[in-house]
Structures are given as structure tokens and as C-alpha cells.
Amino acid sequence: MKNITIGILLILTIIGCKSSLNSAEQAQQKQQLEQIAVQVNQDDYQIVMNTAYPLATNAVNNVLNGILIPNGDSASRIDLSDRDDYIELGNKSVKGKLSYYGERRISSGYGNQDTGIDFNGVPMNFKQSIDFDKGLVRIEYQISNQAESFDITIEVFTNRNANVNVSSSHRSNIRYTGVMEQIKELPL
């Protein structure tokens, strides 16, 4: 009986363990990641956000749950598919327009009606790297607008899905998910 149990455990262990990518899959993943890295440096690609994940504090939970539950969203996950939230990528310039849900820690002055995260300009400390082990291209930079500064970290995977983390000098952190796609030119 003991030998049968050991045999079953051994078989389940062998079946349950998946080996890492084979050499053909590794080569394809490497090519996809290098292609994404090249495209990031061109100014005709953007990440279109589909979900926001605010930092869930008690204050944010209390306010957002009262507002968002009828829409099917929650304080920890907000669907952005009906909004136009994006970051345009390029190492020479970046542009972003993102809805913001969370706590503002420092006021940006009286009369400022801008509640979202907006920036447009030349990024500082732009870094791009490929992490072949995790299968992603990581982009990091800092950018400022007239009122505050932002630390942006973007991770783009081989399927072009992306995680975007935004840290602000004036607000609590927020994370977004989206998809990297080519910017569509408007017809004239």
C-alpha cells in the first residue's frame, strides 16, 4: 500500500510540474519582447486603459462604494472601458490622460478643476528594459505637469497587455491595466 501511494504521488508530481519554455517558445518570446521594446521608442503606440485599481483606504472605500456599486464597479476595481484613458509612449515624449480615483494628499491650488492625471512632455530618467524571465518590457520614467510630478512604471507583456503603476507627489498611488496598441490616425 505504501508503494502504491508513493507511486501515485510520484506520477502526480511529474504531471503537475511543467517544464519551462522550450527553445522555440523562448526564441519567439524574445523576438516579441524585442519588437515591443522597439515599438515603445516610436511615437505611434499607446496603452489604452481598461481598468483602474485605486489604493483602497477607508476613506476611498466609503466614498467610492456609495457611488460605484450601482454601476457594477467597486472601490478597488473600476472599469474604464467607456472612458478615453491612455498613455502615448515614446522615449522623446510621453502623453497621458488618466481618470483618477483615490485620495488627493496635497491640494494643487484653488480653482483647479483637473481631477484626472494629465501630463505631456519629455520624460526624465526614462529607462526601458526587457525581463526575459518574466516575459515583459519594463518602462520607467518621471514626468511633471504644472501642479505635480509622477513616477510611472509600465510593464508590457508579450500579449501586449500592460500594467501601469502611477505614483504622484500629491495623490495616493493607483494602478491601471490596459492594452498596448497602435495609435489610429483620424480621417481627414
Foldseek 3Di string as FASTA:
>chain_A
DVVVVVVVVVVCVVVVDDDDDDPVVLVVLVVLQVVVVVVLADQFKKWWFFKKAFDDDPVLQVVQQVVCVVVVAGSGMDTCPVDGWMWGGHQQKIWTWAADRFFFADDQDPPDPDRTDTFIGHWAPWDWDADSVVQWIWTWTKGDDPRWIWTWIWIAHSQQKIKIWIDIPGTGIMITIGGMDGHDDDDD
